């Protein structure tokens, strides 16, 4: 169970980092003229957040099923 908890904590931290990066990119996009590059980086961060969020949900539901 500790492995699942550790994995959940790591994924939550990675989501937090990706969200912070996304926030910074959006701030940069407001000040930059190269919108194509910024838009691509924003999309990459959004994809990473979505992927990690799904992984987190899978781990949490597995942990819940394990505890039930």
N, C-alpha and C. Protein backbone atom coordinates (compact mmCIF):
# COMPACT_ATOMS: atom_id res chain seq x y z
N UNK A 1 0.83 -1.20 0.00
CA UNK A 1 0.00 0.00 0.00
C UNK A 1 0.87 1.25 0.00
N UNK A 2 2.00 1.18 0.66
CA UNK A 2 2.90 2.32 0.70
C UNK A 2 3.38 2.70 -0.69
N UNK A 3 3.59 1.69 -1.56
CA UNK A 3 4.02 1.98 -2.93
C UNK A 3 2.96 2.78 -3.67
N UNK A 4 1.69 2.43 -3.48
CA UNK A 4 0.61 3.16 -4.14
C UNK A 4 0.55 4.58 -3.60
N UNK A 5 0.65 4.74 -2.30
CA UNK A 5 0.63 6.07 -1.69
C UNK A 5 1.78 6.91 -2.20
N UNK A 6 2.96 6.33 -2.27
CA UNK A 6 4.13 7.04 -2.79
C UNK A 6 3.91 7.45 -4.25
N UNK A 7 3.34 6.55 -5.04
CA UNK A 7 3.08 6.84 -6.45
C UNK A 7 2.06 7.97 -6.58
N UNK A 8 1.02 7.92 -5.76
CA UNK A 8 0.00 8.98 -5.79
C UNK A 8 0.62 10.32 -5.42
N UNK A 9 1.42 10.34 -4.38
CA UNK A 9 2.07 11.58 -3.96
C UNK A 9 2.98 12.13 -5.06
N UNK A 10 3.73 11.24 -5.72
CA UNK A 10 4.63 11.67 -6.79
C UNK A 10 3.84 12.25 -7.96
N UNK A 11 2.74 11.60 -8.33
CA UNK A 11 1.94 12.08 -9.44
C UNK A 11 1.29 13.42 -9.09
N UNK A 12 0.80 13.55 -7.86
CA UNK A 12 0.22 14.83 -7.45
C UNK A 12 1.25 15.95 -7.53
N UNK A 13 2.48 15.66 -7.14
CA UNK A 13 3.56 16.65 -7.22
C UNK A 13 3.85 17.01 -8.68
N UNK A 14 3.88 16.02 -9.55
CA UNK A 14 4.14 16.27 -10.97
C UNK A 14 3.01 17.08 -11.60
N UNK A 15 1.76 16.82 -11.19
CA UNK A 15 0.63 17.61 -11.68
C UNK A 15 0.79 19.06 -11.23
N UNK A 16 1.16 19.25 -9.98
CA UNK A 16 1.36 20.60 -9.45
C UNK A 16 2.44 21.34 -10.24
N UNK A 17 3.54 20.66 -10.53
CA UNK A 17 4.63 21.27 -11.29
C UNK A 17 4.16 21.62 -12.70
N UNK A 18 3.43 20.69 -13.34
CA UNK A 18 2.94 20.95 -14.69
C UNK A 18 1.95 22.11 -14.71
N UNK A 19 1.10 22.19 -13.70
CA UNK A 19 0.14 23.30 -13.63
C UNK A 19 0.86 24.64 -13.44
N UNK A 20 1.91 24.63 -12.61
CA UNK A 20 2.68 25.85 -12.41
C UNK A 20 3.36 26.26 -13.72
N UNK A 21 3.91 25.28 -14.42
CA UNK A 21 4.53 25.57 -15.72
C UNK A 21 3.52 26.13 -16.70
N UNK A 22 2.32 25.58 -16.69
CA UNK A 22 1.26 26.06 -17.57
C UNK A 22 0.88 27.50 -17.23
N UNK A 23 0.79 27.79 -15.96
CA UNK A 23 0.48 29.16 -15.53
C UNK A 23 1.56 30.12 -16.02
N UNK A 24 2.83 29.72 -15.87
CA UNK A 24 3.93 30.56 -16.32
C UNK A 24 3.90 30.76 -17.83
N UNK A 25 3.58 29.70 -18.57
CA UNK A 25 3.50 29.82 -20.02
C UNK A 25 2.39 30.75 -20.45
N UNK A 26 1.27 30.69 -19.76
CA UNK A 26 0.16 31.59 -20.10
C UNK A 26 0.54 33.04 -19.83
N UNK A 27 1.27 33.27 -18.74
CA UNK A 27 1.74 34.62 -18.46
C UNK A 27 2.71 35.08 -19.54
N UNK A 28 3.59 34.18 -19.95
CA UNK A 28 4.55 34.48 -21.00
C UNK A 28 3.84 34.76 -22.32
N UNK A 29 2.82 33.98 -22.62
CA UNK A 29 2.08 34.15 -23.87
C UNK A 29 1.44 35.54 -23.94
N UNK A 30 1.04 36.05 -22.80
CA UNK A 30 0.43 37.37 -22.77
C UNK A 30 1.44 38.45 -23.14
N UNK A 31 2.72 38.18 -22.90
CA UNK A 31 3.76 39.17 -23.15
C UNK A 31 4.56 38.89 -24.43
N UNK A 32 4.44 37.72 -25.00
CA UNK A 32 5.25 37.31 -26.16
C UNK A 32 4.49 37.47 -27.46
N UNK A 33 5.27 37.55 -28.54
CA UNK A 33 4.68 37.63 -29.87
C UNK A 33 4.70 36.29 -30.59
N UNK A 34 5.55 35.36 -30.16
CA UNK A 34 5.64 34.05 -30.81
C UNK A 34 4.56 33.14 -30.24
N UNK A 35 3.33 33.41 -30.62
CA UNK A 35 2.19 32.71 -30.05
C UNK A 35 2.14 31.23 -30.45
N UNK A 36 2.68 30.89 -31.62
CA UNK A 36 2.65 29.50 -32.06
C UNK A 36 3.46 28.61 -31.13
N UNK A 37 4.67 29.04 -30.81
CA UNK A 37 5.52 28.26 -29.91
C UNK A 37 4.89 28.17 -28.53
N UNK A 38 4.40 29.27 -28.03
CA UNK A 38 3.78 29.29 -26.71
C UNK A 38 2.55 28.39 -26.71
N UNK A 39 1.73 28.47 -27.76
CA UNK A 39 0.53 27.63 -27.84
C UNK A 39 0.90 26.15 -27.84
N UNK A 40 1.97 25.80 -28.53
CA UNK A 40 2.43 24.41 -28.55
C UNK A 40 2.86 23.97 -27.15
N UNK A 41 3.60 24.81 -26.46
CA UNK A 41 4.05 24.46 -25.11
C UNK A 41 2.87 24.37 -24.14
N UNK A 42 1.89 25.25 -24.29
CA UNK A 42 0.69 25.18 -23.45
C UNK A 42 -0.03 23.86 -23.70
N UNK A 43 -0.18 23.48 -24.96
CA UNK A 43 -0.85 22.22 -25.30
C UNK A 43 -0.11 21.03 -24.71
N UNK A 44 1.22 21.06 -24.75
CA UNK A 44 2.02 19.98 -24.17
C UNK A 44 1.78 19.87 -22.67
N UNK A 45 1.75 21.00 -21.98
CA UNK A 45 1.50 20.98 -20.54
C UNK A 45 0.09 20.50 -20.23
N UNK A 46 -0.88 20.94 -21.01
CA UNK A 46 -2.26 20.49 -20.79
C UNK A 46 -2.37 18.99 -21.00
N UNK A 47 -1.70 18.46 -22.02
CA UNK A 47 -1.70 17.01 -22.26
C UNK A 47 -1.06 16.26 -21.10
N UNK A 48 0.04 16.79 -20.58
CA UNK A 48 0.73 16.14 -19.46
C UNK A 48 -0.16 16.13 -18.21
N UNK A 49 -0.83 17.25 -17.95
CA UNK A 49 -1.74 17.32 -16.81
C UNK A 49 -2.87 16.31 -16.97
N UNK A 50 -3.44 16.22 -18.16
CA UNK A 50 -4.53 15.27 -18.40
C UNK A 50 -4.05 13.83 -18.21
N UNK A 51 -2.87 13.51 -18.75
CA UNK A 51 -2.32 12.16 -18.62
C UNK A 51 -2.06 11.81 -17.16
N UNK A 52 -1.45 12.74 -16.43
CA UNK A 52 -1.14 12.48 -15.03
C UNK A 52 -2.41 12.40 -14.18
N UNK A 53 -3.41 13.21 -14.50
CA UNK A 53 -4.67 13.18 -13.77
C UNK A 53 -5.36 11.83 -13.94
N UNK A 54 -5.35 11.30 -15.17
CA UNK A 54 -5.93 9.98 -15.41
C UNK A 54 -5.16 8.90 -14.65
N UNK A 55 -3.84 8.98 -14.68
CA UNK A 55 -3.02 8.01 -13.96
C UNK A 55 -3.30 8.07 -12.47
N UNK A 56 -3.42 9.28 -11.94
CA UNK A 56 -3.74 9.46 -10.53
C UNK A 56 -5.09 8.84 -10.19
N UNK A 57 -6.09 9.08 -11.02
CA UNK A 57 -7.42 8.52 -10.78
C UNK A 57 -7.38 7.00 -10.79
N UNK A 58 -6.62 6.43 -11.72
CA UNK A 58 -6.49 4.97 -11.78
C UNK A 58 -5.84 4.43 -10.51
N UNK A 59 -4.77 5.08 -10.07
CA UNK A 59 -4.10 4.63 -8.85
C UNK A 59 -5.00 4.77 -7.63
N UNK A 60 -5.70 5.90 -7.54
CA UNK A 60 -6.58 6.11 -6.39
C UNK A 60 -7.72 5.11 -6.39
N UNK A 61 -8.29 4.81 -7.55
CA UNK A 61 -9.40 3.85 -7.57
C UNK A 61 -8.88 2.46 -7.26
N UNK A 62 -7.67 2.15 -7.69
CA UNK A 62 -7.07 0.86 -7.36
C UNK A 62 -6.80 0.75 -5.87
N UNK A 63 -6.36 1.86 -5.28
CA UNK A 63 -6.10 1.87 -3.85
C UNK A 63 -7.41 1.73 -3.08
N UNK A 64 -8.47 2.36 -3.58
CA UNK A 64 -9.78 2.26 -2.94
C UNK A 64 -10.29 0.83 -3.04
N UNK A 65 -10.14 0.22 -4.21
CA UNK A 65 -10.59 -1.17 -4.39
C UNK A 65 -9.78 -2.10 -3.51
N UNK A 66 -8.51 -1.80 -3.35
CA UNK A 66 -7.64 -2.62 -2.52
C UNK A 66 -8.05 -2.56 -1.06
N UNK A 67 -8.49 -1.38 -0.61
CA UNK A 67 -8.88 -1.19 0.78
C UNK A 67 -10.27 -1.75 1.07
N UNK A 68 -11.11 -1.86 0.06
CA UNK A 68 -12.49 -2.29 0.26
C UNK A 68 -12.59 -3.76 0.59
